[in-house]
Amino acid sequence: MPVTILTTDDLYEFKLELLEEIKKIIKPQTSEEPKKYLKSAEVMEMLSISPGTLQNLRINGTLPYSKIGGIILYEEKEIERVLEENKVSSR
């Protein structure tokens, strides 16, 4: 039976390959990022708008929101979607 000699470089390479395989297995389960919610003040700063304008965007249904107790929260991806849908190209 032939004898194979392993070097530290061989072990290091094996470790890297093993870690990559483990990442591939784990990644699909954790690939979905948690939703990021913003408070009204953060949205007003992000869009450079006043409290009244933000209220109008809620009332007319432009910006979807959730209300928990007295706190109004906006999903960051929804704000980005609304911005993208209302993009105006200058030609």
PDB file of N, CA and C in Angstrom:
ATOM      1  N   MET A   1       0.854  -1.169   0.000  1.00  0.00           N
ATOM      2  CA  MET A   1       0.000   0.000   0.000  1.00  0.00           C
ATOM      3  C   MET A   1       0.899   1.231   0.000  1.00  0.00           C
ATOM      4  N   PRO A   2       0.682   2.149  -0.987  1.00  0.00           N
ATOM      5  CA  PRO A   2       1.541   3.331  -1.063  1.00  0.00           C
ATOM      6  C   PRO A   2       1.222   4.312   0.067  1.00  0.00           C
ATOM      7  N   VAL A   3       2.248   5.003   0.497  1.00  0.00           N
ATOM      8  CA  VAL A   3       2.118   5.978   1.570  1.00  0.00           C
ATOM      9  C   VAL A   3       2.122   7.376   0.958  1.00  0.00           C
ATOM     10  N   THR A   4       1.166   8.209   1.378  1.00  0.00           N
ATOM     11  CA  THR A   4       1.102   9.593   0.907  1.00  0.00           C
ATOM     12  C   THR A   4       1.491  10.508   2.044  1.00  0.00           C
ATOM     13  N   ILE A   5       2.392  11.425   1.739  1.00  0.00           N
ATOM     14  CA  ILE A   5       2.843  12.374   2.747  1.00  0.00           C
ATOM     15  C   ILE A   5       2.082  13.685   2.544  1.00  0.00           C
ATOM     16  N   LEU A   6       1.450  14.157   3.599  1.00  0.00           N
ATOM     17  CA  LEU A   6       0.711  15.424   3.560  1.00  0.00           C
ATOM     18  C   LEU A   6       1.572  16.530   4.151  1.00  0.00           C
ATOM     19  N   THR A   7       1.578  17.651   3.464  1.00  0.00           N
ATOM     20  CA  THR A   7       2.313  18.816   3.980  1.00  0.00           C
ATOM     21  C   THR A   7       1.326  19.786   4.592  1.00  0.00           C
ATOM     22  N   THR A   8       1.830  20.775   5.279  1.00  0.00           N
ATOM     23  CA  THR A   8       0.944  21.790   5.858  1.00  0.00           C
ATOM     24  C   THR A   8       0.229  22.564   4.750  1.00  0.00           C
ATOM     25  N   ASP A   9       0.871  22.733   3.608  1.00  0.00           N
ATOM     26  CA  ASP A   9       0.219  23.402   2.475  1.00  0.00           C
ATOM     27  C   ASP A   9      -0.966  22.580   1.968  1.00  0.00           C
ATOM     28  N   ASP A  10      -0.809  21.267   1.939  1.00  0.00           N
ATOM     29  CA  ASP A  10      -1.906  20.383   1.535  1.00  0.00           C
ATOM     30  C   ASP A  10      -3.086  20.511   2.497  1.00  0.00           C
ATOM     31  N   LEU A  11      -2.768  20.540   3.774  1.00  0.00           N
ATOM     32  CA  LEU A  11      -3.827  20.672   4.783  1.00  0.00           C
ATOM     33  C   LEU A  11      -4.518  22.030   4.687  1.00  0.00           C
ATOM     34  N   TYR A  12      -3.745  23.070   4.437  1.00  0.00           N
ATOM     35  CA  TYR A  12      -4.309  24.411   4.307  1.00  0.00           C
ATOM     36  C   TYR A  12      -5.242  24.477   3.097  1.00  0.00           C
ATOM     37  N   GLU A  13      -4.815  23.906   1.989  1.00  0.00           N
ATOM     38  CA  GLU A  13      -5.644  23.893   0.778  1.00  0.00           C
ATOM     39  C   GLU A  13      -6.937  23.105   1.018  1.00  0.00           C
ATOM     40  N   PHE A  14      -6.820  21.975   1.714  1.00  0.00           N
ATOM     41  CA  PHE A  14      -7.996  21.180   2.051  1.00  0.00           C
ATOM     42  C   PHE A  14      -8.954  21.983   2.925  1.00  0.00           C
ATOM     43  N   LYS A  15      -8.420  22.710   3.876  1.00  0.00           N
ATOM     44  CA  LYS A  15      -9.239  23.536   4.767  1.00  0.00           C
ATOM     45  C   LYS A  15     -10.013  24.588   3.966  1.00  0.00           C
ATOM     46  N   LEU A  16      -9.343  25.249   3.036  1.00  0.00           N
ATOM     47  CA  LEU A  16     -10.016  26.261   2.219  1.00  0.00           C
ATOM     48  C   LEU A  16     -11.127  25.651   1.369  1.00  0.00           C
ATOM     49  N   GLU A  17     -10.861  24.512   0.784  1.00  0.00           N
ATOM     50  CA  GLU A  17     -11.879  23.838  -0.025  1.00  0.00           C
ATOM     51  C   GLU A  17     -13.070  23.426   0.829  1.00  0.00           C
ATOM     52  N   LEU A  18     -12.785  22.910   2.015  1.00  0.00           N
ATOM     53  CA  LEU A  18     -13.848  22.491   2.919  1.00  0.00           C
ATOM     54  C   LEU A  18     -14.700  23.678   3.351  1.00  0.00           C
ATOM     55  N   LEU A  19     -14.072  24.788   3.668  1.00  0.00           N
ATOM     56  CA  LEU A  19     -14.810  25.990   4.068  1.00  0.00           C
ATOM     57  C   LEU A  19     -15.702  26.492   2.932  1.00  0.00           C
ATOM     58  N   GLU A  20     -15.213  26.459   1.723  1.00  0.00           N
ATOM     59  CA  GLU A  20     -16.018  26.889   0.577  1.00  0.00           C
ATOM     60  C   GLU A  20     -17.242  25.994   0.405  1.00  0.00           C
ATOM     61  N   GLU A  21     -17.062  24.700   0.564  1.00  0.00           N
ATOM     62  CA  GLU A  21     -18.188  23.773   0.449  1.00  0.00           C
ATOM     63  C   GLU A  21     -19.213  24.019   1.555  1.00  0.00           C
ATOM     64  N   ILE A  22     -18.745  24.270   2.757  1.00  0.00           N
ATOM     65  CA  ILE A  22     -19.661  24.553   3.872  1.00  0.00           C
ATOM     66  C   ILE A  22     -20.433  25.838   3.602  1.00  0.00           C
ATOM     67  N   LYS A  23     -19.761  26.863   3.082  1.00  0.00           N
ATOM     68  CA  LYS A  23     -20.437  28.128   2.751  1.00  0.00           C
ATOM     69  C   LYS A  23     -21.534  27.912   1.717  1.00  0.00           C
ATOM     70  N   LYS A  24     -21.270  27.069   0.723  1.00  0.00           N
ATOM     71  CA  LYS A  24     -22.273  26.788  -0.312  1.00  0.00           C
ATOM     72  C   LYS A  24     -23.504  26.115   0.288  1.00  0.00           C
ATOM     73  N   ILE A  25     -23.277  25.256   1.260  1.00  0.00           N
ATOM     74  CA  ILE A  25     -24.394  24.548   1.898  1.00  0.00           C
ATOM     75  C   ILE A  25     -25.208  25.488   2.775  1.00  0.00           C
ATOM     76  N   ILE A  26     -24.533  26.347   3.501  1.00  0.00           N
ATOM     77  CA  ILE A  26     -25.201  27.235   4.452  1.00  0.00           C
ATOM     78  C   ILE A  26     -25.839  28.432   3.768  1.00  0.00           C
ATOM     79  N   LYS A  27     -25.241  28.959   2.746  1.00  0.00           N
ATOM     80  CA  LYS A  27     -25.692  30.203   2.114  1.00  0.00           C
ATOM     81  C   LYS A  27     -27.152  30.182   1.665  1.00  0.00           C
ATOM     82  N   PRO A  28     -27.657  29.154   0.994  1.00  0.00           N
ATOM     83  CA  PRO A  28     -29.060  29.193   0.565  1.00  0.00           C
ATOM     84  C   PRO A  28     -30.046  29.377   1.714  1.00  0.00           C
ATOM     85  N   GLN A  29     -29.708  28.879   2.883  1.00  0.00           N
ATOM     86  CA  GLN A  29     -30.615  29.007   4.014  1.00  0.00           C
ATOM     87  C   GLN A  29     -30.610  30.411   4.586  1.00  0.00           C
ATOM     88  N   THR A  30     -29.508  31.132   4.450  1.00  0.00           N
ATOM     89  CA  THR A  30     -29.398  32.470   5.035  1.00  0.00           C
ATOM     90  C   THR A  30     -29.296  33.554   3.976  1.00  0.00           C
ATOM     91  N   SER A  31     -29.644  33.237   2.720  1.00  0.00           N
ATOM     92  CA  SER A  31     -29.460  34.201   1.645  1.00  0.00           C
ATOM     93  C   SER A  31     -30.451  35.369   1.723  1.00  0.00           C
ATOM     94  N   GLU A  32     -31.632  35.152   2.305  1.00  0.00           N
ATOM     95  CA  GLU A  32     -32.610  36.223   2.394  1.00  0.00           C
ATOM     96  C   GLU A  32     -32.240  37.176   3.521  1.00  0.00           C
ATOM     97  N   GLU A  33     -32.009  38.426   3.137  1.00  0.00           N
ATOM     98  CA  GLU A  33     -31.657  39.424   4.138  1.00  0.00           C
ATOM     99  C   GLU A  33     -32.895  39.805   4.937  1.00  0.00           C
ATOM    100  N   PRO A  34     -32.710  40.109   6.198  1.00  0.00           N
ATOM    101  CA  PRO A  34     -33.867  40.559   6.967  1.00  0.00           C
ATOM    102  C   PRO A  34     -34.347  41.906   6.419  1.00  0.00           C
ATOM    103  N   LYS A  35     -35.642  42.115   6.483  1.00  0.00           N
ATOM    104  CA  LYS A  35     -36.192  43.368   5.997  1.00  0.00           C
ATOM    105  C   LYS A  35     -35.711  44.500   6.879  1.00  0.00           C
ATOM    106  N   LYS A  36     -35.397  45.618   6.233  1.00  0.00           N
ATOM    107  CA  LYS A  36     -34.952  46.770   6.992  1.00  0.00           C
ATOM    108  C   LYS A  36     -36.080  47.796   6.985  1.00  0.00           C
ATOM    109  N   TYR A  37     -36.482  48.180   8.172  1.00  0.00           N
ATOM    110  CA  TYR A  37     -37.555  49.153   8.318  1.00  0.00           C
ATOM    111  C   TYR A  37     -36.984  50.479   8.796  1.00  0.00           C
ATOM    112  N   LEU A  38     -37.578  51.552   8.295  1.00  0.00           N
ATOM    113  CA  LEU A  38     -37.148  52.897   8.650  1.00  0.00           C
ATOM    114  C   LEU A  38     -38.279  53.633   9.340  1.00  0.00           C
ATOM    115  N   LYS A  39     -37.911  54.479  10.284  1.00  0.00           N
ATOM    116  CA  LYS A  39     -38.894  55.336  10.942  1.00  0.00           C
ATOM    117  C   LYS A  39     -39.126  56.564  10.069  1.00  0.00           C
ATOM    118  N   SER A  40     -40.188  57.301  10.388  1.00  0.00           N
ATOM    119  CA  SER A  40     -40.566  58.472   9.585  1.00  0.00           C
ATOM    120  C   SER A  40     -39.422  59.468   9.450  1.00  0.00           C
ATOM    121  N   ALA A  41     -38.721  59.742  10.546  1.00  0.00           N
ATOM    122  CA  ALA A  41     -37.627  60.723  10.502  1.00  0.00           C
ATOM    123  C   ALA A  41     -36.538  60.284   9.530  1.00  0.00           C
ATOM    124  N   GLU A  42     -36.254  58.991   9.492  1.00  0.00           N
ATOM    125  CA  GLU A  42     -35.225  58.486   8.582  1.00  0.00           C
ATOM    126  C   GLU A  42     -35.674  58.602   7.128  1.00  0.00           C
ATOM    127  N   VAL A  43     -36.959  58.351   6.881  1.00  0.00           N
ATOM    128  CA  VAL A  43     -37.494  58.463   5.518  1.00  0.00           C
ATOM    129  C   VAL A  43     -37.486  59.920   5.070  1.00  0.00           C
ATOM    130  N   MET A  44     -37.890  60.827   5.966  1.00  0.00           N
ATOM    131  CA  MET A  44     -37.888  62.258   5.619  1.00  0.00           C
ATOM    132  C   MET A  44     -36.479  62.725   5.271  1.00  0.00           C
ATOM    133  N   GLU A  45     -35.497  62.259   6.033  1.00  0.00           N
ATOM    134  CA  GLU A  45     -34.115  62.639   5.747  1.00  0.00           C
ATOM    135  C   GLU A  45     -33.639  62.020   4.436  1.00  0.00           C
ATOM    136  N   MET A  46     -33.983  60.752   4.229  1.00  0.00           N
ATOM    137  CA  MET A  46     -33.578  60.031   3.024  1.00  0.00           C
ATOM    138  C   MET A  46     -34.116  60.700   1.761  1.00  0.00           C
ATOM    139  N   LEU A  47     -35.378  61.142   1.820  1.00  0.00           N
ATOM    140  CA  LEU A  47     -36.028  61.736   0.650  1.00  0.00           C
ATOM    141  C   LEU A  47     -35.989  63.255   0.640  1.00  0.00           C
ATOM    142  N   SER A  48     -35.468  63.842   1.708  1.00  0.00           N
ATOM    143  CA  SER A  48     -35.425  65.306   1.851  1.00  0.00           C
ATOM    144  C   SER A  48     -36.823  65.905   1.705  1.00  0.00           C
ATOM    145  N   ILE A  49     -37.758  65.392   2.501  1.00  0.00           N
ATOM    146  CA  ILE A  49     -39.126  65.879   2.449  1.00  0.00           C
ATOM    147  C   ILE A  49     -39.588  66.272   3.854  1.00  0.00           C
ATOM    148  N   SER A  50     -40.675  67.028   3.908  1.00  0.00           N
ATOM    149  CA  SER A  50     -41.231  67.494   5.177  1.00  0.00           C
ATOM    150  C   SER A  50     -42.180  66.447   5.757  1.00  0.00           C
ATOM    151  N   PRO A  51     -42.532  66.593   7.027  1.00  0.00           N
ATOM    152  CA  PRO A  51     -43.498  65.668   7.628  1.00  0.00           C
ATOM    153  C   PRO A  51     -44.835  65.660   6.883  1.00  0.00           C
ATOM    154  N   GLY A  52     -45.286  66.818   6.419  1.00  0.00           N
ATOM    155  CA  GLY A  52     -46.547  66.909   5.681  1.00  0.00           C
ATOM    156  C   GLY A  52     -46.496  66.149   4.367  1.00  0.00           C
ATOM    157  N   THR A  53     -45.369  66.272   3.663  1.00  0.00           N
ATOM    158  CA  THR A  53     -45.223  65.547   2.397  1.00  0.00           C
ATOM    159  C   THR A  53     -45.229  64.047   2.644  1.00  0.00           C
ATOM    160  N   LEU A  54     -44.550  63.617   3.690  1.00  0.00           N
ATOM    161  CA  LEU A  54     -44.530  62.196   4.019  1.00  0.00           C
ATOM    162  C   LEU A  54     -45.936  61.705   4.352  1.00  0.00           C
ATOM    163  N   GLN A  55     -46.672  62.501   5.079  1.00  0.00           N
ATOM    164  CA  GLN A  55     -48.050  62.146   5.417  1.00  0.00           C
ATOM    165  C   GLN A  55     -48.895  62.031   4.150  1.00  0.00           C
ATOM    166  N   ASN A  56     -48.728  62.968   3.218  1.00  0.00           N
ATOM    167  CA  ASN A  56     -49.471  62.912   1.949  1.00  0.00           C
ATOM    168  C   ASN A  56     -49.123  61.651   1.158  1.00  0.00           C
ATOM    169  N   LEU A  57     -47.850  61.249   1.170  1.00  0.00           N
ATOM    170  CA  LEU A  57     -47.442  60.036   0.461  1.00  0.00           C
ATOM    171  C   LEU A  57     -48.076  58.787   1.082  1.00  0.00           C
ATOM    172  N   ARG A  58     -48.276  58.832   2.398  1.00  0.00           N
ATOM    173  CA  ARG A  58     -48.965  57.721   3.071  1.00  0.00           C
ATOM    174  C   ARG A  58     -50.444  57.727   2.715  1.00  0.00           C
ATOM    175  N   ILE A  59     -51.069  58.900   2.826  1.00  0.00           N
ATOM    176  CA  ILE A  59     -52.513  59.019   2.608  1.00  0.00           C
ATOM    177  C   ILE A  59     -52.913  58.615   1.194  1.00  0.00           C
ATOM    178  N   ASN A  60     -52.138  59.079   0.193  1.00  0.00           N
ATOM    179  CA  ASN A  60     -52.529  58.763  -1.186  1.00  0.00           C
ATOM    180  C   ASN A  60     -52.035  57.387  -1.646  1.00  0.00           C
ATOM    181  N   GLY A  61     -51.390  56.636  -0.730  1.00  0.00           N
ATOM    182  CA  GLY A  61     -50.996  55.263  -1.040  1.00  0.00           C
ATOM    183  C   GLY A  61     -49.695  55.118  -1.802  1.00  0.00           C
ATOM    184  N   THR A  62     -48.967  56.217  -1.970  1.00  0.00           N
ATOM    185  CA  THR A  62     -47.701  56.147  -2.692  1.00  0.00           C
ATOM    186  C   THR A  62     -46.665  55.340  -1.923  1.00  0.00           C
ATOM    187  N   LEU A  63     -46.578  55.587  -0.610  1.00  0.00           N
ATOM    188  CA  LEU A  63     -45.623  54.859   0.228  1.00  0.00           C
ATOM    189  C   LEU A  63     -46.360  53.904   1.156  1.00  0.00           C
ATOM    190  N   PRO A  64     -46.179  52.611   0.966  1.00  0.00           N
ATOM    191  CA  PRO A  64     -46.790  51.663   1.903  1.00  0.00           C
ATOM    192  C   PRO A  64     -46.074  51.734   3.246  1.00  0.00           C
ATOM    193  N   TYR A  65     -46.814  51.491   4.309  1.00  0.00           N
ATOM    194  CA  TYR A  65     -46.235  51.577   5.647  1.00  0.00           C
ATOM    195  C   TYR A  65     -46.931  50.603   6.579  1.00  0.00           C
ATOM    196  N   SER A  66     -46.312  50.404   7.720  1.00  0.00           N
ATOM    197  CA  SER A  66     -46.897  49.594   8.794  1.00  0.00           C
ATOM    198  C   SER A  66     -46.945  50.459  10.032  1.00  0.00           C
ATOM    199  N   LYS A  67     -47.976  50.282  10.822  1.00  0.00           N
ATOM    200  CA  LYS A  67     -48.090  51.052  12.051  1.00  0.00           C
ATOM    201  C   LYS A  67     -48.171  50.083  13.218  1.00  0.00           C
ATOM    202  N   ILE A  68     -47.238  50.227  14.130  1.00  0.00           N
ATOM    203  CA  ILE A  68     -47.204  49.395  15.324  1.00  0.00           C
ATOM    204  C   ILE A  68     -47.266  50.341  16.508  1.00  0.00           C
ATOM    205  N   GLY A  69     -48.365  50.266  17.236  1.00  0.00           N
ATOM    206  CA  GLY A  69     -48.573  51.248  18.300  1.00  0.00           C
ATOM    207  C   GLY A  69     -48.673  52.623  17.656  1.00  0.00           C
ATOM    208  N   GLY A  70     -47.849  53.533  18.092  1.00  0.00           N
ATOM    209  CA  GLY A  70     -47.839  54.869  17.494  1.00  0.00           C
ATOM    210  C   GLY A  70     -46.688  55.073  16.533  1.00  0.00           C
ATOM    211  N   ILE A  71     -45.947  54.022  16.239  1.00  0.00           N
ATOM    212  CA  ILE A  71     -44.766  54.149  15.384  1.00  0.00           C
ATOM    213  C   ILE A  71     -45.099  53.696  13.974  1.00  0.00           C
ATOM    214  N   ILE A  72     -44.771  54.545  13.015  1.00  0.00           N
ATOM    215  CA  ILE A  72     -44.984  54.217  11.605  1.00  0.00           C
ATOM    216  C   ILE A  72     -43.647  53.780  11.025  1.00  0.00           C
ATOM    217  N   LEU A  73     -43.661  52.623  10.374  1.00  0.00           N
ATOM    218  CA  LEU A  73     -42.442  52.058   9.801  1.00  0.00           C
ATOM    219  C   LEU A  73     -42.617  51.858   8.300  1.00  0.00           C
ATOM    220  N   TYR A  74     -41.532  52.071   7.567  1.00  0.00           N
ATOM    221  CA  TYR A  74     -41.517  51.938   6.113  1.00  0.00           C
ATOM    222  C   TYR A  74     -40.441  50.921   5.753  1.00  0.00           C
ATOM    223  N   GLU A  75     -40.777  50.001   4.862  1.00  0.00           N
ATOM    224  CA  GLU A  75     -39.786  49.027   4.418  1.00  0.00           C
ATOM    225  C   GLU A  75     -38.865  49.709   3.401  1.00  0.00           C
ATOM    226  N   GLU A  76     -37.582  49.617   3.636  1.00  0.00           N
ATOM    227  CA  GLU A  76     -36.605  50.305   2.786  1.00  0.00           C
ATOM    228  C   GLU A  76     -36.716  49.883   1.325  1.00  0.00           C
ATOM    229  N   LYS A  77     -36.935  48.602   1.070  1.00  0.00           N
ATOM    230  CA  LYS A  77     -37.048  48.121  -0.313  1.00  0.00           C
ATOM    231  C   LYS A  77     -38.263  48.722  -1.008  1.00  0.00           C
ATOM    232  N   GLU A  78     -39.341  48.953  -0.266  1.00  0.00           N
ATOM    233  CA  GLU A  78     -40.538  49.561  -0.861  1.00  0.00           C
ATOM    234  C   GLU A  78     -40.272  51.013  -1.259  1.00  0.00           C
ATOM    235  N   ILE A  79     -39.524  51.727  -0.443  1.00  0.00           N
ATOM    236  CA  ILE A  79     -39.184  53.115  -0.770  1.00  0.00           C
ATOM    237  C   ILE A  79     -38.340  53.137  -2.040  1.00  0.00           C
ATOM    238  N   GLU A  80     -37.349  52.234  -2.116  1.00  0.00           N
ATOM    239  CA  GLU A  80     -36.507  52.155  -3.311  1.00  0.00           C
ATOM    240  C   GLU A  80     -37.339  51.794  -4.544  1.00  0.00           C
ATOM    241  N   ARG A  81     -38.319  50.900  -4.371  1.00  0.00           N
ATOM    242  CA  ARG A  81     -39.194  50.508  -5.489  1.00  0.00           C
ATOM    243  C   ARG A  81     -40.005  51.703  -5.988  1.00  0.00           C
ATOM    244  N   VAL A  82     -40.575  52.471  -5.055  1.00  0.00           N
ATOM    245  CA  VAL A  82     -41.372  53.648  -5.423  1.00  0.00           C
ATOM    246  C   VAL A  82     -40.497  54.665  -6.152  1.00  0.00           C
ATOM    247  N   LEU A  83     -39.278  54.873  -5.664  1.00  0.00           N
ATOM    248  CA  LEU A  83     -38.368  55.800  -6.330  1.00  0.00           C
ATOM    249  C   LEU A  83     -38.068  55.338  -7.753  1.00  0.00           C
ATOM    250  N   GLU A  84     -37.822  54.038  -7.919  1.00  0.00           N
ATOM    251  CA  GLU A  84     -37.502  53.505  -9.237  1.00  0.00           C
ATOM    252  C   GLU A  84     -38.699  53.617 -10.186  1.00  0.00           C
ATOM    253  N   GLU A  85     -39.894  53.325  -9.677  1.00  0.00           N
ATOM    254  CA  GLU A  85     -41.090  53.397 -10.527  1.00  0.00           C
ATOM    255  C   GLU A  85     -41.402  54.823 -10.958  1.00  0.00           C
ATOM    256  N   ASN A  86     -41.005  55.809 -10.161  1.00  0.00           N
ATOM    257  CA  ASN A  86     -41.317  57.199 -10.471  1.00  0.00           C
ATOM    258  C   ASN A  86     -40.136  57.959 -11.038  1.00  0.00           C
ATOM    259  N   LYS A  87     -39.121  57.223 -11.476  1.00  0.00           N
ATOM    260  CA  LYS A  87     -37.939  57.860 -12.061  1.00  0.00           C
ATOM    261  C   LYS A  87     -38.325  58.559 -13.358  1.00  0.00           C
ATOM    262  N   VAL A  88     -37.848  59.769 -13.517  1.00  0.00           N
ATOM    263  CA  VAL A  88     -38.119  60.539 -14.720  1.00  0.00           C
ATOM    264  C   VAL A  88     -36.805  60.673 -15.496  1.00  0.00           C
ATOM    265  N   SER A  89     -36.831  60.255 -16.760  1.00  0.00           N
ATOM    266  CA  SER A  89     -35.620  60.392 -17.571  1.00  0.00           C
ATOM    267  C   SER A  89     -35.696  61.710 -18.318  1.00  0.00           C
ATOM    268  N   SER A  90     -34.588  62.423 -18.304  1.00  0.00           N
ATOM    269  CA  SER A  90     -34.545  63.721 -18.997  1.00  0.00           C
ATOM    270  C   SER A  90     -33.951  63.528 -20.370  1.00  0.00           C
ATOM    271  N   ARG A  91     -34.745  63.831 -21.376  1.00  0.00           N
ATOM    272  CA  ARG A  91     -34.290  63.707 -22.769  1.00  0.00           C
ATOM    273  C   ARG A  91     -34.532  64.970 -23.506  1.00  0.00           C
TER     274      ARG A  91
END
